[in-house]
Amino acid sequence: MYATQAMAFAAPLAKELDENKVTPGVLGFIVFAVMAGGVWLLMKSMNRHMGKVNFEEAPAQAPAASARSAKSEPTSAAPRGE
């Protein structure tokens, strides 16, 4: 079946629809309102969580502590990826 034949077959079906009755309706509005409310709640939660994040760097370790950790860790000349 060619595309033109399919369109000729579907054209009478499309004419039967009343353009004034084809709307999203109340259900579409309710779905949209629920999604908008969910996005608003997610943004509110994200702002609250971002307020708790500390963006400052941690202070450098004390020299004595880093010397102790350097002795306990094995060192190698080759990088780990190779």
PDB file of N, CA and C in Angstrom:
ATOM      1  N   MET A   1       0.847  -1.169   0.000  1.00  0.00           N
ATOM      2  CA  MET A   1       0.000   0.000   0.000  1.00  0.00           C
ATOM      3  C   MET A   1       0.898   1.239   0.000  1.00  0.00           C
ATOM      4  N   TYR A   2       0.588   2.141  -0.892  1.00  0.00           N
ATOM      5  CA  TYR A   2       1.360   3.371  -0.994  1.00  0.00           C
ATOM      6  C   TYR A   2       0.901   4.383   0.051  1.00  0.00           C
ATOM      7  N   ALA A   3       1.759   5.363   0.323  1.00  0.00           N
ATOM      8  CA  ALA A   3       1.433   6.376   1.320  1.00  0.00           C
ATOM      9  C   ALA A   3       0.222   7.199   0.897  1.00  0.00           C
ATOM     10  N   THR A   4       0.079   7.461  -0.406  1.00  0.00           N
ATOM     11  CA  THR A   4      -1.068   8.247  -0.869  1.00  0.00           C
ATOM     12  C   THR A   4      -2.362   7.483  -0.671  1.00  0.00           C
ATOM     13  N   GLN A   5      -2.329   6.159  -0.841  1.00  0.00           N
ATOM     14  CA  GLN A   5      -3.520   5.359  -0.610  1.00  0.00           C
ATOM     15  C   GLN A   5      -3.886   5.334   0.870  1.00  0.00           C
ATOM     16  N   ALA A   6      -2.873   5.270   1.718  1.00  0.00           N
ATOM     17  CA  ALA A   6      -3.123   5.270   3.154  1.00  0.00           C
ATOM     18  C   ALA A   6      -3.725   6.602   3.593  1.00  0.00           C
ATOM     19  N   MET A   7      -3.237   7.711   3.023  1.00  0.00           N
ATOM     20  CA  MET A   7      -3.780   9.019   3.370  1.00  0.00           C
ATOM     21  C   MET A   7      -5.211   9.162   2.860  1.00  0.00           C
ATOM     22  N   ALA A   8      -5.494   8.635   1.696  1.00  0.00           N
ATOM     23  CA  ALA A   8      -6.851   8.692   1.151  1.00  0.00           C
ATOM     24  C   ALA A   8      -7.815   7.881   2.017  1.00  0.00           C
ATOM     25  N   PHE A   9      -7.329   6.801   2.594  1.00  0.00           N
ATOM     26  CA  PHE A   9      -8.156   5.974   3.467  1.00  0.00           C
ATOM     27  C   PHE A   9      -8.385   6.661   4.815  1.00  0.00           C
ATOM     28  N   ALA A  10      -7.370   7.351   5.347  1.00  0.00           N
ATOM     29  CA  ALA A  10      -7.452   7.974   6.664  1.00  0.00           C
ATOM     30  C   ALA A  10      -8.140   9.331   6.627  1.00  0.00           C
ATOM     31  N   ALA A  11      -8.198   9.987   5.491  1.00  0.00           N
ATOM     32  CA  ALA A  11      -8.787  11.325   5.404  1.00  0.00           C
ATOM     33  C   ALA A  11     -10.249  11.354   5.831  1.00  0.00           C
ATOM     34  N   PRO A  12     -11.104  10.423   5.399  1.00  0.00           N
ATOM     35  CA  PRO A  12     -12.501  10.473   5.870  1.00  0.00           C
ATOM     36  C   PRO A  12     -12.630  10.266   7.377  1.00  0.00           C
ATOM     37  N   LEU A  13     -11.720   9.472   7.972  1.00  0.00           N
ATOM     38  CA  LEU A  13     -11.768   9.268   9.419  1.00  0.00           C
ATOM     39  C   LEU A  13     -11.433  10.554  10.161  1.00  0.00           C
ATOM     40  N   ALA A  14     -10.499  11.342   9.642  1.00  0.00           N
ATOM     41  CA  ALA A  14     -10.111  12.585  10.290  1.00  0.00           C
ATOM     42  C   ALA A  14     -11.213  13.629  10.199  1.00  0.00           C
ATOM     43  N   LYS A  15     -12.022  13.580   9.157  1.00  0.00           N
ATOM     44  CA  LYS A  15     -13.101  14.555   8.999  1.00  0.00           C
ATOM     45  C   LYS A  15     -14.228  14.303   9.994  1.00  0.00           C
ATOM     46  N   GLU A  16     -14.336  13.083  10.497  1.00  0.00           N
ATOM     47  CA  GLU A  16     -15.392  12.756  11.450  1.00  0.00           C
ATOM     48  C   GLU A  16     -15.147  13.367  12.824  1.00  0.00           C
ATOM     49  N   LEU A  17     -13.896  13.686  13.152  1.00  0.00           N
ATOM     50  CA  LEU A  17     -13.581  14.260  14.460  1.00  0.00           C
ATOM     51  C   LEU A  17     -14.042  15.703  14.532  1.00  0.00           C
ATOM     52  N   ASP A  18     -14.645  16.064  15.638  1.00  0.00           N
ATOM     53  CA  ASP A  18     -15.041  17.448  15.854  1.00  0.00           C
ATOM     54  C   ASP A  18     -13.873  18.171  16.505  1.00  0.00           C
ATOM     55  N   GLU A  19     -13.351  19.183  15.844  1.00  0.00           N
ATOM     56  CA  GLU A  19     -12.169  19.885  16.340  1.00  0.00           C
ATOM     57  C   GLU A  19     -12.425  20.591  17.664  1.00  0.00           C
ATOM     58  N   ASN A  20     -13.661  20.897  17.985  1.00  0.00           N
ATOM     59  CA  ASN A  20     -13.988  21.568  19.248  1.00  0.00           C
ATOM     60  C   ASN A  20     -13.974  20.604  20.432  1.00  0.00           C
ATOM     61  N   LYS A  21     -14.066  19.322  20.175  1.00  0.00           N
ATOM     62  CA  LYS A  21     -14.111  18.339  21.264  1.00  0.00           C
ATOM     63  C   LYS A  21     -12.749  17.725  21.577  1.00  0.00           C
ATOM     64  N   VAL A  22     -11.769  17.935  20.732  1.00  0.00           N
ATOM     65  CA  VAL A  22     -10.456  17.338  20.934  1.00  0.00           C
ATOM     66  C   VAL A  22      -9.599  18.318  21.729  1.00  0.00           C
ATOM     67  N   THR A  23      -9.591  18.141  23.050  1.00  0.00           N
ATOM     68  CA  THR A  23      -8.817  19.002  23.949  1.00  0.00           C
ATOM     69  C   THR A  23      -8.135  18.140  24.990  1.00  0.00           C
ATOM     70  N   PRO A  24      -7.116  18.676  25.656  1.00  0.00           N
ATOM     71  CA  PRO A  24      -6.479  17.908  26.718  1.00  0.00           C
ATOM     72  C   PRO A  24      -7.425  17.685  27.895  1.00  0.00           C
ATOM     73  N   GLY A  25      -8.332  18.611  28.115  1.00  0.00           N
ATOM     74  CA  GLY A  25      -9.344  18.436  29.147  1.00  0.00           C
ATOM     75  C   GLY A  25      -8.809  18.589  30.557  1.00  0.00           C
ATOM     76  N   VAL A  26      -9.650  18.202  31.482  1.00  0.00           N
ATOM     77  CA  VAL A  26      -9.328  18.331  32.905  1.00  0.00           C
ATOM     78  C   VAL A  26      -8.187  17.391  33.283  1.00  0.00           C
ATOM     79  N   LEU A  27      -8.172  16.196  32.731  1.00  0.00           N
ATOM     80  CA  LEU A  27      -7.110  15.237  33.051  1.00  0.00           C
ATOM     81  C   LEU A  27      -5.746  15.775  32.624  1.00  0.00           C
ATOM     82  N   GLY A  28      -5.677  16.402  31.455  1.00  0.00           N
ATOM     83  CA  GLY A  28      -4.418  16.999  31.012  1.00  0.00           C
ATOM     84  C   GLY A  28      -3.952  18.097  31.940  1.00  0.00           C
ATOM     85  N   PHE A  29      -4.894  18.926  32.412  1.00  0.00           N
ATOM     86  CA  PHE A  29      -4.541  19.988  33.346  1.00  0.00           C
ATOM     87  C   PHE A  29      -4.059  19.410  34.668  1.00  0.00           C
ATOM     88  N   ILE A  30      -4.725  18.380  35.153  1.00  0.00           N
ATOM     89  CA  ILE A  30      -4.321  17.766  36.431  1.00  0.00           C
ATOM     90  C   ILE A  30      -2.926  17.167  36.316  1.00  0.00           C
ATOM     91  N   VAL A  31      -2.650  16.472  35.221  1.00  0.00           N
ATOM     92  CA  VAL A  31      -1.315  15.881  35.020  1.00  0.00           C
ATOM     93  C   VAL A  31      -0.262  16.976  34.962  1.00  0.00           C
ATOM     94  N   PHE A  32      -0.547  18.046  34.234  1.00  0.00           N
ATOM     95  CA  PHE A  32       0.395  19.163  34.137  1.00  0.00           C
ATOM     96  C   PHE A  32       0.620  19.802  35.509  1.00  0.00           C
ATOM     97  N   ALA A  33      -0.446  20.014  36.272  1.00  0.00           N
ATOM     98  CA  ALA A  33      -0.328  20.634  37.589  1.00  0.00           C
ATOM     99  C   ALA A  33       0.487  19.756  38.545  1.00  0.00           C
ATOM    100  N   VAL A  34       0.276  18.448  38.491  1.00  0.00           N
ATOM    101  CA  VAL A  34       1.038  17.535  39.354  1.00  0.00           C
ATOM    102  C   VAL A  34       2.514  17.555  38.984  1.00  0.00           C
ATOM    103  N   MET A  35       2.815  17.558  37.685  1.00  0.00           N
ATOM    104  CA  MET A  35       4.216  17.604  37.261  1.00  0.00           C
ATOM    105  C   MET A  35       4.862  18.930  37.654  1.00  0.00           C
ATOM    106  N   ALA A  36       4.140  20.038  37.501  1.00  0.00           N
ATOM    107  CA  ALA A  36       4.687  21.336  37.889  1.00  0.00           C
ATOM    108  C   ALA A  36       4.926  21.386  39.395  1.00  0.00           C
ATOM    109  N   GLY A  37       4.014  20.841  40.179  1.00  0.00           N
ATOM    110  CA  GLY A  37       4.206  20.785  41.633  1.00  0.00           C
ATOM    111  C   GLY A  37       5.401  19.919  42.011  1.00  0.00           C
ATOM    112  N   GLY A  38       5.579  18.806  41.317  1.00  0.00           N
ATOM    113  CA  GLY A  38       6.740  17.947  41.581  1.00  0.00           C
ATOM    114  C   GLY A  38       8.049  18.643  41.275  1.00  0.00           C
ATOM    115  N   VAL A  39       8.096  19.374  40.169  1.00  0.00           N
ATOM    116  CA  VAL A  39       9.322  20.111  39.822  1.00  0.00           C
ATOM    117  C   VAL A  39       9.595  21.183  40.862  1.00  0.00           C
ATOM    118  N   TRP A  40       8.544  21.872  41.312  1.00  0.00           N
ATOM    119  CA  TRP A  40       8.719  22.917  42.331  1.00  0.00           C
ATOM    120  C   TRP A  40       9.263  22.312  43.626  1.00  0.00           C
ATOM    121  N   LEU A  41       8.720  21.162  44.050  1.00  0.00           N
ATOM    122  CA  LEU A  41       9.215  20.512  45.266  1.00  0.00           C
ATOM    123  C   LEU A  41      10.663  20.039  45.103  1.00  0.00           C
ATOM    124  N   LEU A  42      11.012  19.513  43.928  1.00  0.00           N
ATOM    125  CA  LEU A  42      12.398  19.089  43.697  1.00  0.00           C
ATOM    126  C   LEU A  42      13.366  20.265  43.750  1.00  0.00           C
ATOM    127  N   MET A  43      12.968  21.396  43.171  1.00  0.00           N
ATOM    128  CA  MET A  43      13.829  22.577  43.205  1.00  0.00           C
ATOM    129  C   MET A  43      13.995  23.093  44.633  1.00  0.00           C
ATOM    130  N   LYS A  44      12.920  23.059  45.402  1.00  0.00           N
ATOM    131  CA  LYS A  44      12.987  23.489  46.799  1.00  0.00           C
ATOM    132  C   LYS A  44      13.929  22.573  47.592  1.00  0.00           C
ATOM    133  N   SER A  45      13.814  21.278  47.371  1.00  0.00           N
ATOM    134  CA  SER A  45      14.682  20.317  48.060  1.00  0.00           C
ATOM    135  C   SER A  45      16.139  20.497  47.638  1.00  0.00           C
ATOM    136  N   MET A  46      16.364  20.739  46.333  1.00  0.00           N
ATOM    137  CA  MET A  46      17.732  20.931  45.856  1.00  0.00           C
ATOM    138  C   MET A  46      18.352  22.170  46.491  1.00  0.00           C
ATOM    139  N   ASN A  47      17.598  23.250  46.593  1.00  0.00           N
ATOM    140  CA  ASN A  47      18.126  24.462  47.209  1.00  0.00           C
ATOM    141  C   ASN A  47      18.466  24.222  48.674  1.00  0.00           C
ATOM    142  N   ARG A  48      17.651  23.458  49.371  1.00  0.00           N
ATOM    143  CA  ARG A  48      17.929  23.159  50.777  1.00  0.00           C
ATOM    144  C   ARG A  48      19.205  22.327  50.910  1.00  0.00           C
ATOM    145  N   HIS A  49      19.373  21.327  50.028  1.00  0.00           N
ATOM    146  CA  HIS A  49      20.567  20.485  50.097  1.00  0.00           C
ATOM    147  C   HIS A  49      21.824  21.244  49.669  1.00  0.00           C
ATOM    148  N   MET A  50      21.704  22.117  48.687  1.00  0.00           N
ATOM    149  CA  MET A  50      22.870  22.893  48.264  1.00  0.00           C
ATOM    150  C   MET A  50      23.315  23.858  49.349  1.00  0.00           C
ATOM    151  N   GLY A  51      22.383  24.300  50.186  1.00  0.00           N
ATOM    152  CA  GLY A  51      22.738  25.172  51.305  1.00  0.00           C
ATOM    153  C   GLY A  51      23.572  24.458  52.351  1.00  0.00           C
ATOM    154  N   LYS A  52      23.451  23.136  52.437  1.00  0.00           N
ATOM    155  CA  LYS A  52      24.203  22.360  53.415  1.00  0.00           C
ATOM    156  C   LYS A  52      25.619  22.023  52.948  1.00  0.00           C
ATOM    157  N   VAL A  53      25.909  22.194  51.659  1.00  0.00           N
ATOM    158  CA  VAL A  53      27.203  21.805  51.103  1.00  0.00           C
ATOM    159  C   VAL A  53      28.245  22.849  51.477  1.00  0.00           C
ATOM    160  N   ASN A  54      29.396  22.369  51.933  1.00  0.00           N
ATOM    161  CA  ASN A  54      30.515  23.236  52.267  1.00  0.00           C
ATOM    162  C   ASN A  54      31.450  23.260  51.060  1.00  0.00           C
ATOM    163  N   PHE A  55      31.558  24.417  50.418  1.00  0.00           N
ATOM    164  CA  PHE A  55      32.360  24.515  49.205  1.00  0.00           C
ATOM    165  C   PHE A  55      33.815  24.880  49.472  1.00  0.00           C
ATOM    166  N   GLU A  56      34.190  25.097  50.722  1.00  0.00           N
ATOM    167  CA  GLU A  56      35.570  25.461  51.035  1.00  0.00           C
ATOM    168  C   GLU A  56      36.427  24.206  51.094  1.00  0.00           C
ATOM    169  N   GLU A  57      37.697  24.376  50.703  1.00  0.00           N
ATOM    170  CA  GLU A  57      38.617  23.244  50.737  1.00  0.00           C
ATOM    171  C   GLU A  57      38.986  22.906  52.171  1.00  0.00           C
ATOM    172  N   ALA A  58      39.292  21.645  52.395  1.00  0.00           N
ATOM    173  CA  ALA A  58      39.753  21.215  53.709  1.00  0.00           C
ATOM    174  C   ALA A  58      41.175  21.720  53.917  1.00  0.00           C
ATOM    175  N   PRO A  59      41.538  22.075  55.138  1.00  0.00           N
ATOM    176  CA  PRO A  59      42.905  22.544  55.382  1.00  0.00           C
ATOM    177  C   PRO A  59      43.922  21.432  55.126  1.00  0.00           C
ATOM    178  N   ALA A  60      45.126  21.838  54.798  1.00  0.00           N
ATOM    179  CA  ALA A  60      46.200  20.875  54.536  1.00  0.00           C
ATOM    180  C   ALA A  60      46.521  20.107  55.814  1.00  0.00           C
ATOM    181  N   GLN A  61      46.972  18.851  55.632  1.00  0.00           N
ATOM    182  CA  GLN A  61      47.311  18.028  56.790  1.00  0.00           C
ATOM    183  C   GLN A  61      48.579  18.558  57.449  1.00  0.00           C
ATOM    184  N   ALA A  62      48.727  18.255  58.706  1.00  0.00           N
ATOM    185  CA  ALA A  62      49.926  18.652  59.450  1.00  0.00           C
ATOM    186  C   ALA A  62      51.131  17.907  58.879  1.00  0.00           C
ATOM    187  N   PRO A  63      52.328  18.508  58.885  1.00  0.00           N
ATOM    188  CA  PRO A  63      53.514  17.842  58.319  1.00  0.00           C
ATOM    189  C   PRO A  63      53.841  16.515  58.999  1.00  0.00           C
ATOM    190  N   ALA A  64      53.644  16.404  60.294  1.00  0.00           N
ATOM    191  CA  ALA A  64      53.955  15.160  60.995  1.00  0.00           C
ATOM    192  C   ALA A  64      53.014  14.043  60.537  1.00  0.00           C
ATOM    193  N   ALA A  65      51.767  14.356  60.364  1.00  0.00           N
ATOM    194  CA  ALA A  65      50.808  13.327  59.942  1.00  0.00           C
ATOM    195  C   ALA A  65      51.091  12.876  58.514  1.00  0.00           C
ATOM    196  N   SER A  66      51.472  13.790  57.643  1.00  0.00           N
ATOM    197  CA  SER A  66      51.751  13.394  56.268  1.00  0.00           C
ATOM    198  C   SER A  66      53.043  12.585  56.185  1.00  0.00           C
ATOM    199  N   ALA A  67      54.004  12.858  57.056  1.00  0.00           N
ATOM    200  CA  ALA A  67      55.247  12.085  57.060  1.00  0.00           C
ATOM    201  C   ALA A  67      54.966  10.656  57.495  1.00  0.00           C
ATOM    202  N   ARG A  68      54.095  10.483  58.489  1.00  0.00           N
ATOM    203  CA  ARG A  68      53.752   9.143  58.951  1.00  0.00           C
ATOM    204  C   ARG A  68      53.016   8.369  57.863  1.00  0.00           C
ATOM    205  N   SER A  69      52.097   9.020  57.154  1.00  0.00           N
ATOM    206  CA  SER A  69      51.356   8.308  56.115  1.00  0.00           C
ATOM    207  C   SER A  69      52.259   7.984  54.929  1.00  0.00           C
ATOM    208  N   ALA A  70      53.244   8.815  54.648  1.00  0.00           N
ATOM    209  CA  ALA A  70      54.160   8.551  53.541  1.00  0.00           C
ATOM    210  C   ALA A  70      55.025   7.337  53.843  1.00  0.00           C
ATOM    211  N   LYS A  71      55.384   7.121  55.110  1.00  0.00           N
ATOM    212  CA  LYS A  71      56.197   5.962  55.472  1.00  0.00           C
ATOM    213  C   LYS A  71      55.391   4.673  55.375  1.00  0.00           C
ATOM    214  N   SER A  72      54.111   4.737  55.677  1.00  0.00           N
ATOM    215  CA  SER A  72      53.307   3.517  55.670  1.00  0.00           C
ATOM    216  C   SER A  72      52.874   3.106  54.265  1.00  0.00           C
ATOM    217  N   GLU A  73      52.821   4.051  53.316  1.00  0.00           N
ATOM    218  CA  GLU A  73      52.415   3.721  51.959  1.00  0.00           C
ATOM    219  C   GLU A  73      53.631   3.340  51.116  1.00  0.00           C
ATOM    220  N   PRO A  74      53.556   2.237  50.357  1.00  0.00           N
ATOM    221  CA  PRO A  74      54.682   1.890  49.482  1.00  0.00           C
ATOM    222  C   PRO A  74      54.742   2.863  48.305  1.00  0.00           C
ATOM    223  N   THR A  75      55.955   3.175  47.917  1.00  0.00           N
ATOM    224  CA  THR A  75      56.144   4.079  46.783  1.00  0.00           C
ATOM    225  C   THR A  75      56.725   3.292  45.620  1.00  0.00           C
ATOM    226  N   SER A  76      56.363   3.695  44.421  1.00  0.00           N
ATOM    227  CA  SER A  76      56.919   3.059  43.241  1.00  0.00           C
ATOM    228  C   SER A  76      57.215   4.140  42.223  1.00  0.00           C
ATOM    229  N   ALA A  77      58.194   3.875  41.357  1.00  0.00           N
ATOM    230  CA  ALA A  77      58.610   4.843  40.366  1.00  0.00           C
ATOM    231  C   ALA A  77      57.631   4.880  39.188  1.00  0.00           C
ATOM    232  N   ALA A  78      56.992   3.768  38.886  1.00  0.00           N
ATOM    233  CA  ALA A  78      56.105   3.701  37.731  1.00  0.00           C
ATOM    234  C   ALA A  78      54.678   4.123  38.153  1.00  0.00           C
ATOM    235  N   PRO A  79      53.980   4.821  37.288  1.00  0.00           N
ATOM    236  CA  PRO A  79      52.592   5.169  37.602  1.00  0.00           C
ATOM    237  C   PRO A  79      51.720   3.925  37.650  1.00  0.00           C
ATOM    238  N   ARG A  80      50.607   3.997  38.348  1.00  0.00           N
ATOM    239  CA  ARG A  80      49.763   2.830  38.541  1.00  0.00           C
ATOM    240  C   ARG A  80      49.102   2.359  37.262  1.00  0.00           C
ATOM    241  N   GLY A  81      48.879   3.244  36.308  1.00  0.00           N
ATOM    242  CA  GLY A  81      48.178   2.867  35.082  1.00  0.00           C
ATOM    243  C   GLY A  81      49.015   2.009  34.144  1.00  0.00           C
ATOM    244  N   GLU A  82      50.278   1.944  34.329  1.00  0.00           N
ATOM    245  CA  GLU A  82      51.143   1.209  33.376  1.00  0.00           C
ATOM    246  C   GLU A  82      51.580  -0.120  33.934  1.00  0.00           C
TER     247      GLU A  82
END
